[in-house]
Amino acid sequence: MSTTNLKMDKEDLFKLAQCTSDDDSQAPEEVVKALLGVAAKGKPPAVKELSDWLINRLGETESARVKLKVLRLMMQIMASKKGAKFKAQLREDGGPILRATTNFETEIDPEHGEKPMLFVRKSAVKCLTLLELSTTAEPAASPAAGGTADGASLAE
C-alpha cells in the first residue's frame, strides 16, 4: 500500500486481480492478509477504492467463479477484526449490486449444473446478512407512512 494510505497502489490492485481471477485457483493467504491491511490501515479513500473495486468487479463479470471469489473476499474482510471500515463502506455502497447478485443468472455449467449459480446467490445473501442489509430492495417510505420524503423513518 502507498505510504500515505490515501490510495491503493499498483501492487494492491494486482493483488485484487489475483484474488478474483477467472480460474479455479484460490486466493493466496498472504495476498488476502495484505488486502486486510488495506482495509485496516488505509485511510477512507483507500478503503473506498477497495470497496468500489470489488463492487465493480462483482457487477461487471458474468463469471460465477469470479463472483464467488469477490464475495468470499468481501466476507473475509468483513469478518476480520480489521474489517470495520471496509464493512461500513460496503454497507454504504454495495447494497444494490449485492441484492442484484442474489438473482444471478448464468448458463448451466456442463460439469456442475446449477450449483455455481446457486452458490453465488447464497453467498450474496450471506454478504447482505453480514452487512445487516435487507436481501430485497426496500421501497422508500412515504411521508404519510411515517417516513420522510428521502425515505428515512421519523423514528430513526
N, C-alpha and C. Protein backbone atom coordinates (compact mmCIF):
# COMPACT_ATOMS: atom_id res chain seq x y z
N MET A 1 0.85 -1.17 0.00
CA MET A 1 0.00 0.00 0.00
C MET A 1 0.88 1.23 0.00
N SER A 2 0.41 2.30 -0.57
CA SER A 2 1.19 3.52 -0.64
C SER A 2 1.50 4.04 0.76
N THR A 3 2.55 4.81 0.87
CA THR A 3 2.98 5.29 2.18
C THR A 3 1.98 6.25 2.80
N THR A 4 1.18 6.92 1.98
CA THR A 4 0.21 7.85 2.53
C THR A 4 -1.09 7.16 2.91
N ASN A 5 -1.29 5.95 2.44
CA ASN A 5 -2.51 5.18 2.69
C ASN A 5 -3.76 5.87 2.15
N LEU A 6 -3.58 6.85 1.24
CA LEU A 6 -4.73 7.53 0.68
C LEU A 6 -5.29 6.81 -0.54
N LYS A 7 -4.45 6.06 -1.21
CA LYS A 7 -4.88 5.31 -2.38
C LYS A 7 -4.20 3.96 -2.37
N MET A 8 -4.83 3.02 -3.04
CA MET A 8 -4.18 1.73 -3.21
C MET A 8 -3.14 1.89 -4.30
N ASP A 9 -2.04 1.18 -4.16
CA ASP A 9 -1.01 1.27 -5.19
C ASP A 9 -1.19 0.14 -6.21
N LYS A 10 -0.32 0.12 -7.23
CA LYS A 10 -0.43 -0.87 -8.30
C LYS A 10 -0.34 -2.29 -7.76
N GLU A 11 0.47 -2.48 -6.75
CA GLU A 11 0.62 -3.81 -6.16
C GLU A 11 -0.69 -4.27 -5.52
N ASP A 12 -1.38 -3.37 -4.83
CA ASP A 12 -2.66 -3.71 -4.22
C ASP A 12 -3.68 -4.08 -5.29
N LEU A 13 -3.71 -3.31 -6.37
CA LEU A 13 -4.64 -3.58 -7.46
C LEU A 13 -4.32 -4.92 -8.13
N PHE A 14 -3.02 -5.22 -8.26
CA PHE A 14 -2.62 -6.52 -8.80
C PHE A 14 -3.10 -7.65 -7.87
N LYS A 15 -2.99 -7.43 -6.57
CA LYS A 15 -3.44 -8.45 -5.60
C LYS A 15 -4.94 -8.69 -5.71
N LEU A 16 -5.71 -7.62 -5.90
CA LEU A 16 -7.15 -7.77 -6.08
C LEU A 16 -7.45 -8.59 -7.33
N ALA A 17 -6.77 -8.27 -8.42
CA ALA A 17 -6.97 -9.02 -9.65
C ALA A 17 -6.57 -10.49 -9.47
N GLN A 18 -5.49 -10.72 -8.74
CA GLN A 18 -5.01 -12.08 -8.49
C GLN A 18 -6.03 -12.87 -7.67
N CYS A 19 -6.62 -12.23 -6.69
CA CYS A 19 -7.59 -12.91 -5.81
C CYS A 19 -8.92 -13.17 -6.49
N THR A 20 -9.20 -12.46 -7.57
CA THR A 20 -10.50 -12.59 -8.23
C THR A 20 -10.36 -13.03 -9.69
N SER A 21 -9.30 -13.75 -9.99
CA SER A 21 -9.06 -14.21 -11.36
C SER A 21 -10.12 -15.24 -11.77
N ASP A 22 -10.35 -15.34 -13.06
CA ASP A 22 -11.36 -16.26 -13.58
C ASP A 22 -10.74 -17.63 -13.84
N ASP A 23 -10.40 -18.29 -12.76
CA ASP A 23 -9.83 -19.64 -12.82
C ASP A 23 -10.18 -20.36 -11.53
N ASP A 24 -9.70 -21.57 -11.40
CA ASP A 24 -10.03 -22.39 -10.23
C ASP A 24 -9.08 -22.20 -9.06
N SER A 25 -8.12 -21.28 -9.19
CA SER A 25 -7.15 -21.09 -8.11
C SER A 25 -7.79 -20.40 -6.91
N GLN A 26 -7.24 -20.67 -5.74
CA GLN A 26 -7.69 -20.00 -4.53
C GLN A 26 -6.79 -18.80 -4.27
N ALA A 27 -7.35 -17.81 -3.60
CA ALA A 27 -6.58 -16.61 -3.26
C ALA A 27 -5.48 -17.00 -2.28
N PRO A 28 -4.23 -16.66 -2.58
CA PRO A 28 -3.14 -16.97 -1.65
C PRO A 28 -3.36 -16.25 -0.31
N GLU A 29 -3.13 -16.96 0.77
CA GLU A 29 -3.37 -16.41 2.11
C GLU A 29 -2.60 -15.12 2.37
N GLU A 30 -1.35 -15.05 1.90
CA GLU A 30 -0.54 -13.85 2.14
C GLU A 30 -1.09 -12.64 1.37
N VAL A 31 -1.72 -12.89 0.22
CA VAL A 31 -2.32 -11.81 -0.55
C VAL A 31 -3.58 -11.30 0.15
N VAL A 32 -4.38 -12.22 0.66
CA VAL A 32 -5.57 -11.83 1.41
C VAL A 32 -5.17 -11.03 2.65
N LYS A 33 -4.12 -11.44 3.33
CA LYS A 33 -3.65 -10.70 4.51
C LYS A 33 -3.22 -9.29 4.13
N ALA A 34 -2.57 -9.15 3.00
CA ALA A 34 -2.15 -7.82 2.55
C ALA A 34 -3.37 -6.94 2.28
N LEU A 35 -4.42 -7.51 1.69
CA LEU A 35 -5.63 -6.74 1.43
C LEU A 35 -6.38 -6.41 2.72
N LEU A 36 -6.28 -7.30 3.69
CA LEU A 36 -6.83 -6.99 5.02
C LEU A 36 -6.12 -5.77 5.60
N GLY A 37 -4.82 -5.65 5.33
CA GLY A 37 -4.06 -4.49 5.78
C GLY A 37 -4.56 -3.20 5.16
N VAL A 38 -4.95 -3.26 3.88
CA VAL A 38 -5.52 -2.07 3.23
C VAL A 38 -6.82 -1.69 3.94
N ALA A 39 -7.64 -2.69 4.22
CA ALA A 39 -8.92 -2.44 4.88
C ALA A 39 -8.73 -1.89 6.29
N ALA A 40 -7.69 -2.36 6.99
CA ALA A 40 -7.47 -1.96 8.38
C ALA A 40 -6.71 -0.65 8.53
N LYS A 41 -5.68 -0.48 7.73
CA LYS A 41 -4.77 0.65 7.93
C LYS A 41 -4.98 1.79 6.94
N GLY A 42 -5.73 1.51 5.90
CA GLY A 42 -5.92 2.53 4.87
C GLY A 42 -6.81 3.66 5.35
N LYS A 43 -6.54 4.82 4.85
CA LYS A 43 -7.40 5.97 5.12
C LYS A 43 -8.69 5.78 4.32
N PRO A 44 -9.74 6.53 4.64
CA PRO A 44 -11.02 6.34 3.95
C PRO A 44 -10.95 6.29 2.42
N PRO A 45 -10.12 7.11 1.75
CA PRO A 45 -10.08 6.98 0.28
C PRO A 45 -9.58 5.61 -0.19
N ALA A 46 -8.63 5.03 0.50
CA ALA A 46 -8.11 3.71 0.12
C ALA A 46 -9.15 2.63 0.39
N VAL A 47 -9.85 2.73 1.50
CA VAL A 47 -10.88 1.75 1.83
C VAL A 47 -12.03 1.85 0.83
N LYS A 48 -12.40 3.06 0.46
CA LYS A 48 -13.44 3.25 -0.55
C LYS A 48 -13.00 2.68 -1.89
N GLU A 49 -11.75 2.90 -2.25
CA GLU A 49 -11.24 2.36 -3.51
C GLU A 49 -11.29 0.83 -3.50
N LEU A 50 -10.94 0.21 -2.39
CA LEU A 50 -11.01 -1.24 -2.25
C LEU A 50 -12.46 -1.72 -2.41
N SER A 51 -13.36 -1.08 -1.69
CA SER A 51 -14.77 -1.44 -1.76
C SER A 51 -15.31 -1.24 -3.18
N ASP A 52 -15.03 -0.09 -3.77
CA ASP A 52 -15.51 0.20 -5.12
C ASP A 52 -14.97 -0.80 -6.14
N TRP A 53 -13.69 -1.16 -6.01
CA TRP A 53 -13.09 -2.10 -6.94
C TRP A 53 -13.82 -3.44 -6.88
N LEU A 54 -14.08 -3.91 -5.67
CA LEU A 54 -14.76 -5.20 -5.52
C LEU A 54 -16.21 -5.13 -5.98
N ILE A 55 -16.90 -4.04 -5.67
CA ILE A 55 -18.28 -3.87 -6.12
C ILE A 55 -18.33 -3.87 -7.65
N ASN A 56 -17.42 -3.13 -8.27
CA ASN A 56 -17.39 -3.07 -9.73
C ASN A 56 -17.07 -4.43 -10.34
N ARG A 57 -16.12 -5.13 -9.75
CA ARG A 57 -15.75 -6.46 -10.25
C ARG A 57 -16.95 -7.41 -10.17
N LEU A 58 -17.67 -7.33 -9.07
CA LEU A 58 -18.85 -8.18 -8.87
C LEU A 58 -19.92 -7.87 -9.91
N GLY A 59 -20.13 -6.60 -10.19
CA GLY A 59 -21.17 -6.20 -11.12
C GLY A 59 -20.83 -6.38 -12.58
N GLU A 60 -19.55 -6.30 -12.91
CA GLU A 60 -19.15 -6.33 -14.32
C GLU A 60 -18.97 -7.74 -14.87
N THR A 61 -18.66 -8.70 -14.04
CA THR A 61 -18.37 -10.04 -14.53
C THR A 61 -19.63 -10.89 -14.64
N GLU A 62 -19.63 -11.79 -15.60
CA GLU A 62 -20.69 -12.78 -15.74
C GLU A 62 -20.21 -14.15 -15.25
N SER A 63 -18.96 -14.23 -14.83
CA SER A 63 -18.38 -15.49 -14.40
C SER A 63 -18.77 -15.82 -12.96
N ALA A 64 -19.36 -16.99 -12.77
CA ALA A 64 -19.72 -17.43 -11.42
C ALA A 64 -18.46 -17.57 -10.56
N ARG A 65 -17.36 -18.05 -11.15
CA ARG A 65 -16.11 -18.20 -10.39
C ARG A 65 -15.62 -16.87 -9.86
N VAL A 66 -15.64 -15.85 -10.70
CA VAL A 66 -15.17 -14.53 -10.27
C VAL A 66 -16.11 -13.97 -9.21
N LYS A 67 -17.40 -14.07 -9.43
CA LYS A 67 -18.36 -13.56 -8.45
C LYS A 67 -18.14 -14.24 -7.10
N LEU A 68 -17.95 -15.55 -7.10
CA LEU A 68 -17.71 -16.26 -5.84
C LEU A 68 -16.44 -15.77 -5.16
N LYS A 69 -15.39 -15.56 -5.93
CA LYS A 69 -14.13 -15.09 -5.35
C LYS A 69 -14.29 -13.69 -4.76
N VAL A 70 -15.01 -12.83 -5.45
CA VAL A 70 -15.23 -11.47 -4.94
C VAL A 70 -16.05 -11.53 -3.65
N LEU A 71 -17.12 -12.31 -3.66
CA LEU A 71 -17.98 -12.41 -2.48
C LEU A 71 -17.21 -13.01 -1.29
N ARG A 72 -16.40 -14.04 -1.56
CA ARG A 72 -15.59 -14.62 -0.47
C ARG A 72 -14.62 -13.61 0.11
N LEU A 73 -13.97 -12.85 -0.77
CA LEU A 73 -13.02 -11.85 -0.29
C LEU A 73 -13.74 -10.78 0.52
N MET A 74 -14.88 -10.34 0.04
CA MET A 74 -15.67 -9.36 0.81
C MET A 74 -16.00 -9.90 2.20
N MET A 75 -16.45 -11.16 2.25
CA MET A 75 -16.84 -11.75 3.53
C MET A 75 -15.62 -11.94 4.44
N GLN A 76 -14.48 -12.32 3.87
CA GLN A 76 -13.27 -12.48 4.67
C GLN A 76 -12.86 -11.15 5.30
N ILE A 77 -12.91 -10.10 4.52
CA ILE A 77 -12.52 -8.78 5.04
C ILE A 77 -13.52 -8.34 6.11
N MET A 78 -14.81 -8.47 5.83
CA MET A 78 -15.82 -8.04 6.81
C MET A 78 -15.74 -8.84 8.10
N ALA A 79 -15.44 -10.13 8.00
CA ALA A 79 -15.42 -10.98 9.18
C ALA A 79 -14.17 -10.80 10.03
N SER A 80 -13.15 -10.17 9.47
CA SER A 80 -11.91 -9.99 10.22
C SER A 80 -12.07 -8.87 11.24
N LYS A 81 -11.23 -8.91 12.25
CA LYS A 81 -11.22 -7.86 13.27
C LYS A 81 -10.86 -6.51 12.65
N LYS A 82 -10.18 -6.55 11.53
CA LYS A 82 -9.69 -5.33 10.88
C LYS A 82 -10.66 -4.79 9.84
N GLY A 83 -11.82 -5.39 9.67
CA GLY A 83 -12.68 -5.06 8.56
C GLY A 83 -13.78 -4.04 8.80
N ALA A 84 -13.80 -3.38 9.94
CA ALA A 84 -14.91 -2.48 10.26
C ALA A 84 -15.07 -1.33 9.28
N LYS A 85 -13.97 -0.69 8.87
CA LYS A 85 -14.06 0.43 7.93
C LYS A 85 -14.56 -0.04 6.57
N PHE A 86 -14.03 -1.18 6.14
CA PHE A 86 -14.46 -1.74 4.85
C PHE A 86 -15.94 -2.11 4.91
N LYS A 87 -16.36 -2.74 5.99
CA LYS A 87 -17.75 -3.15 6.14
C LYS A 87 -18.68 -1.94 6.08
N ALA A 88 -18.31 -0.87 6.75
CA ALA A 88 -19.12 0.35 6.73
C ALA A 88 -19.20 0.92 5.32
N GLN A 89 -18.08 0.91 4.60
CA GLN A 89 -18.07 1.44 3.23
C GLN A 89 -18.89 0.56 2.31
N LEU A 90 -18.77 -0.75 2.45
CA LEU A 90 -19.53 -1.67 1.62
C LEU A 90 -21.02 -1.57 1.94
N ARG A 91 -21.35 -1.38 3.20
CA ARG A 91 -22.75 -1.20 3.58
C ARG A 91 -23.33 0.04 2.89
N GLU A 92 -22.51 1.08 2.81
CA GLU A 92 -22.95 2.33 2.20
C GLU A 92 -23.13 2.20 0.69
N ASP A 93 -22.23 1.50 0.02
CA ASP A 93 -22.21 1.49 -1.45
C ASP A 93 -22.62 0.18 -2.12
N GLY A 94 -22.57 -0.93 -1.41
CA GLY A 94 -22.69 -2.23 -2.07
C GLY A 94 -24.04 -2.88 -2.09
N GLY A 95 -25.00 -2.34 -1.35
CA GLY A 95 -26.31 -2.99 -1.26
C GLY A 95 -26.96 -3.31 -2.60
N PRO A 96 -27.07 -2.33 -3.50
CA PRO A 96 -27.77 -2.61 -4.76
C PRO A 96 -27.14 -3.75 -5.59
N ILE A 97 -25.83 -3.75 -5.73
CA ILE A 97 -25.20 -4.79 -6.54
C ILE A 97 -25.27 -6.15 -5.83
N LEU A 98 -25.15 -6.15 -4.50
CA LEU A 98 -25.28 -7.42 -3.77
C LEU A 98 -26.70 -7.96 -3.89
N ARG A 99 -27.70 -7.09 -3.80
CA ARG A 99 -29.08 -7.54 -3.96
C ARG A 99 -29.30 -8.10 -5.37
N ALA A 100 -28.76 -7.42 -6.38
CA ALA A 100 -28.89 -7.92 -7.76
C ALA A 100 -28.23 -9.28 -7.91
N THR A 101 -27.14 -9.49 -7.20
CA THR A 101 -26.40 -10.75 -7.29
C THR A 101 -27.17 -11.90 -6.67
N THR A 102 -28.12 -11.61 -5.77
CA THR A 102 -28.94 -12.68 -5.19
C THR A 102 -29.84 -13.31 -6.25
N ASN A 103 -29.98 -12.67 -7.40
CA ASN A 103 -30.79 -13.19 -8.51
C ASN A 103 -29.92 -13.53 -9.73
N PHE A 104 -28.64 -13.74 -9.50
CA PHE A 104 -27.68 -14.02 -10.57
C PHE A 104 -28.16 -15.18 -11.44
N GLU A 105 -28.11 -14.95 -12.76
CA GLU A 105 -28.46 -15.97 -13.75
C GLU A 105 -27.25 -16.18 -14.66
N THR A 106 -26.99 -17.42 -15.00
CA THR A 106 -25.92 -17.75 -15.92
C THR A 106 -26.26 -19.07 -16.60
N GLU A 107 -25.48 -19.37 -17.62
CA GLU A 107 -25.66 -20.66 -18.29
C GLU A 107 -25.34 -21.79 -17.32
N ILE A 108 -26.01 -22.89 -17.51
CA ILE A 108 -25.77 -24.06 -16.68
C ILE A 108 -24.36 -24.58 -16.95
N ASP A 109 -23.61 -24.81 -15.89
CA ASP A 109 -22.25 -25.32 -16.02
C ASP A 109 -22.32 -26.78 -16.46
N PRO A 110 -21.56 -27.14 -17.52
CA PRO A 110 -21.63 -28.52 -18.01
C PRO A 110 -21.18 -29.56 -16.98
N GLU A 111 -20.29 -29.17 -16.10
CA GLU A 111 -19.77 -30.12 -15.10
C GLU A 111 -20.54 -30.06 -13.78
N HIS A 112 -20.93 -28.85 -13.36
CA HIS A 112 -21.51 -28.68 -12.03
C HIS A 112 -22.99 -28.31 -12.03
N GLY A 113 -23.60 -28.17 -13.19
CA GLY A 113 -25.01 -27.84 -13.27
C GLY A 113 -25.30 -26.44 -12.76
N GLU A 114 -26.37 -26.32 -11.97
CA GLU A 114 -26.78 -25.02 -11.42
C GLU A 114 -26.03 -24.63 -10.16
N LYS A 115 -25.22 -25.53 -9.62
CA LYS A 115 -24.56 -25.28 -8.34
C LYS A 115 -23.77 -23.97 -8.27
N PRO A 116 -22.93 -23.65 -9.26
CA PRO A 116 -22.19 -22.38 -9.17
C PRO A 116 -23.12 -21.17 -9.08
N MET A 117 -24.17 -21.15 -9.91
CA MET A 117 -25.11 -20.04 -9.90
C MET A 117 -25.81 -19.94 -8.54
N LEU A 118 -26.25 -21.06 -8.02
CA LEU A 118 -26.94 -21.06 -6.73
C LEU A 118 -26.00 -20.67 -5.59
N PHE A 119 -24.75 -21.09 -5.69
CA PHE A 119 -23.78 -20.74 -4.66
C PHE A 119 -23.48 -19.24 -4.68
N VAL A 120 -23.44 -18.63 -5.86
CA VAL A 120 -23.26 -17.18 -5.96
C VAL A 120 -24.41 -16.48 -5.26
N ARG A 121 -25.61 -16.90 -5.55
CA ARG A 121 -26.80 -16.29 -4.93
C ARG A 121 -26.75 -16.40 -3.41
N LYS A 122 -26.44 -17.60 -2.94
CA LYS A 122 -26.37 -17.85 -1.50
C LYS A 122 -25.28 -16.99 -0.85
N SER A 123 -24.15 -16.86 -1.51
CA SER A 123 -23.04 -16.06 -0.97
C SER A 123 -23.41 -14.58 -0.93
N ALA A 124 -24.15 -14.10 -1.91
CA ALA A 124 -24.60 -12.70 -1.91
C ALA A 124 -25.54 -12.45 -0.72
N VAL A 125 -26.41 -13.41 -0.44
CA VAL A 125 -27.30 -13.29 0.72
C VAL A 125 -26.48 -13.24 2.00
N LYS A 126 -25.44 -14.08 2.10
CA LYS A 126 -24.57 -14.06 3.28
C LYS A 126 -23.89 -12.72 3.45
N CYS A 127 -23.43 -12.14 2.33
CA CYS A 127 -22.80 -10.81 2.40
C CYS A 127 -23.79 -9.78 2.93
N LEU A 128 -24.99 -9.79 2.40
CA LEU A 128 -26.01 -8.84 2.84
C LEU A 128 -26.32 -9.04 4.32
N THR A 129 -26.33 -10.27 4.75
CA THR A 129 -26.58 -10.57 6.17
C THR A 129 -25.45 -10.03 7.03
N LEU A 130 -24.20 -10.22 6.60
CA LEU A 130 -23.07 -9.66 7.34
C LEU A 130 -23.14 -8.13 7.42
N LEU A 131 -23.68 -7.53 6.36
CA LEU A 131 -23.81 -6.08 6.32
C LEU A 131 -25.06 -5.59 7.05
N GLU A 132 -25.87 -6.56 7.48
CA GLU A 132 -27.13 -6.25 8.15
C GLU A 132 -28.05 -5.43 7.24
N LEU A 133 -28.07 -5.82 5.95
CA LEU A 133 -28.93 -5.19 4.97
C LEU A 133 -30.00 -6.18 4.52
N SER A 134 -31.13 -5.66 4.10
CA SER A 134 -32.20 -6.49 3.57
C SER A 134 -31.72 -7.16 2.29
N THR A 135 -32.22 -8.35 2.03
CA THR A 135 -31.85 -9.05 0.81
C THR A 135 -32.73 -8.65 -0.37
N THR A 136 -33.74 -7.83 -0.13
CA THR A 136 -34.59 -7.32 -1.20
C THR A 136 -34.55 -5.81 -1.18
N ALA A 137 -34.81 -5.21 -2.32
CA ALA A 137 -34.84 -3.75 -2.40
C ALA A 137 -35.96 -3.24 -1.50
N GLU A 138 -35.64 -2.25 -0.72
CA GLU A 138 -36.62 -1.68 0.20
C GLU A 138 -37.26 -0.46 -0.43
N PRO A 139 -38.60 -0.43 -0.50
CA PRO A 139 -39.24 0.75 -1.07
C PRO A 139 -39.09 1.93 -0.13
N ALA A 140 -38.99 3.12 -0.70
CA ALA A 140 -38.88 4.33 0.12
C ALA A 140 -40.20 4.54 0.85
N ALA A 141 -40.11 4.88 2.12
CA ALA A 141 -41.30 5.12 2.92
C ALA A 141 -41.90 6.46 2.52
N SER A 142 -43.21 6.48 2.43
CA SER A 142 -43.87 7.74 2.09
C SER A 142 -44.03 8.56 3.37
N PRO A 143 -44.10 9.90 3.27
CA PRO A 143 -44.29 10.72 4.46
C PRO A 143 -45.56 10.34 5.22
N ALA A 144 -46.61 9.91 4.51
CA ALA A 144 -47.85 9.54 5.18
C ALA A 144 -47.69 8.27 6.01
N ALA A 145 -46.71 7.44 5.65
CA ALA A 145 -46.50 6.18 6.37
C ALA A 145 -45.49 6.32 7.49
N GLY A 146 -45.14 7.55 7.84
CA GLY A 146 -44.22 7.74 8.95
C GLY A 146 -42.79 7.98 8.51
N GLY A 147 -42.54 7.96 7.21
CA GLY A 147 -41.21 8.21 6.70
C GLY A 147 -41.11 9.66 6.23
N THR A 148 -39.96 10.04 5.79
CA THR A 148 -39.76 11.37 5.23
C THR A 148 -39.64 11.24 3.73
N ALA A 149 -39.61 12.34 3.04
CA ALA A 149 -39.53 12.31 1.58
C ALA A 149 -38.28 11.60 1.09
N ASP A 150 -37.21 11.58 1.87
CA ASP A 150 -35.98 10.90 1.43
C ASP A 150 -35.95 9.44 1.85
N GLY A 151 -37.04 8.94 2.43
CA GLY A 151 -37.14 7.52 2.76
C GLY A 151 -36.71 7.21 4.17
N ALA A 152 -36.24 8.17 4.94
CA ALA A 152 -35.81 7.92 6.32
C ALA A 152 -37.03 7.88 7.23
N SER A 153 -36.98 7.09 8.22
CA SER A 153 -38.07 6.98 9.19
C SER A 153 -37.93 8.08 10.23
N LEU A 154 -39.06 8.57 10.69
CA LEU A 154 -39.04 9.59 11.73
C LEU A 154 -38.55 9.03 13.04
N ALA A 155 -38.66 7.71 13.22
CA ALA A 155 -38.25 7.08 14.47
C ALA A 155 -36.75 6.95 14.57
N GLU A 156 -36.04 7.09 13.46
CA GLU A 156 -34.60 6.88 13.49
C GLU A 156 -33.86 8.03 14.11
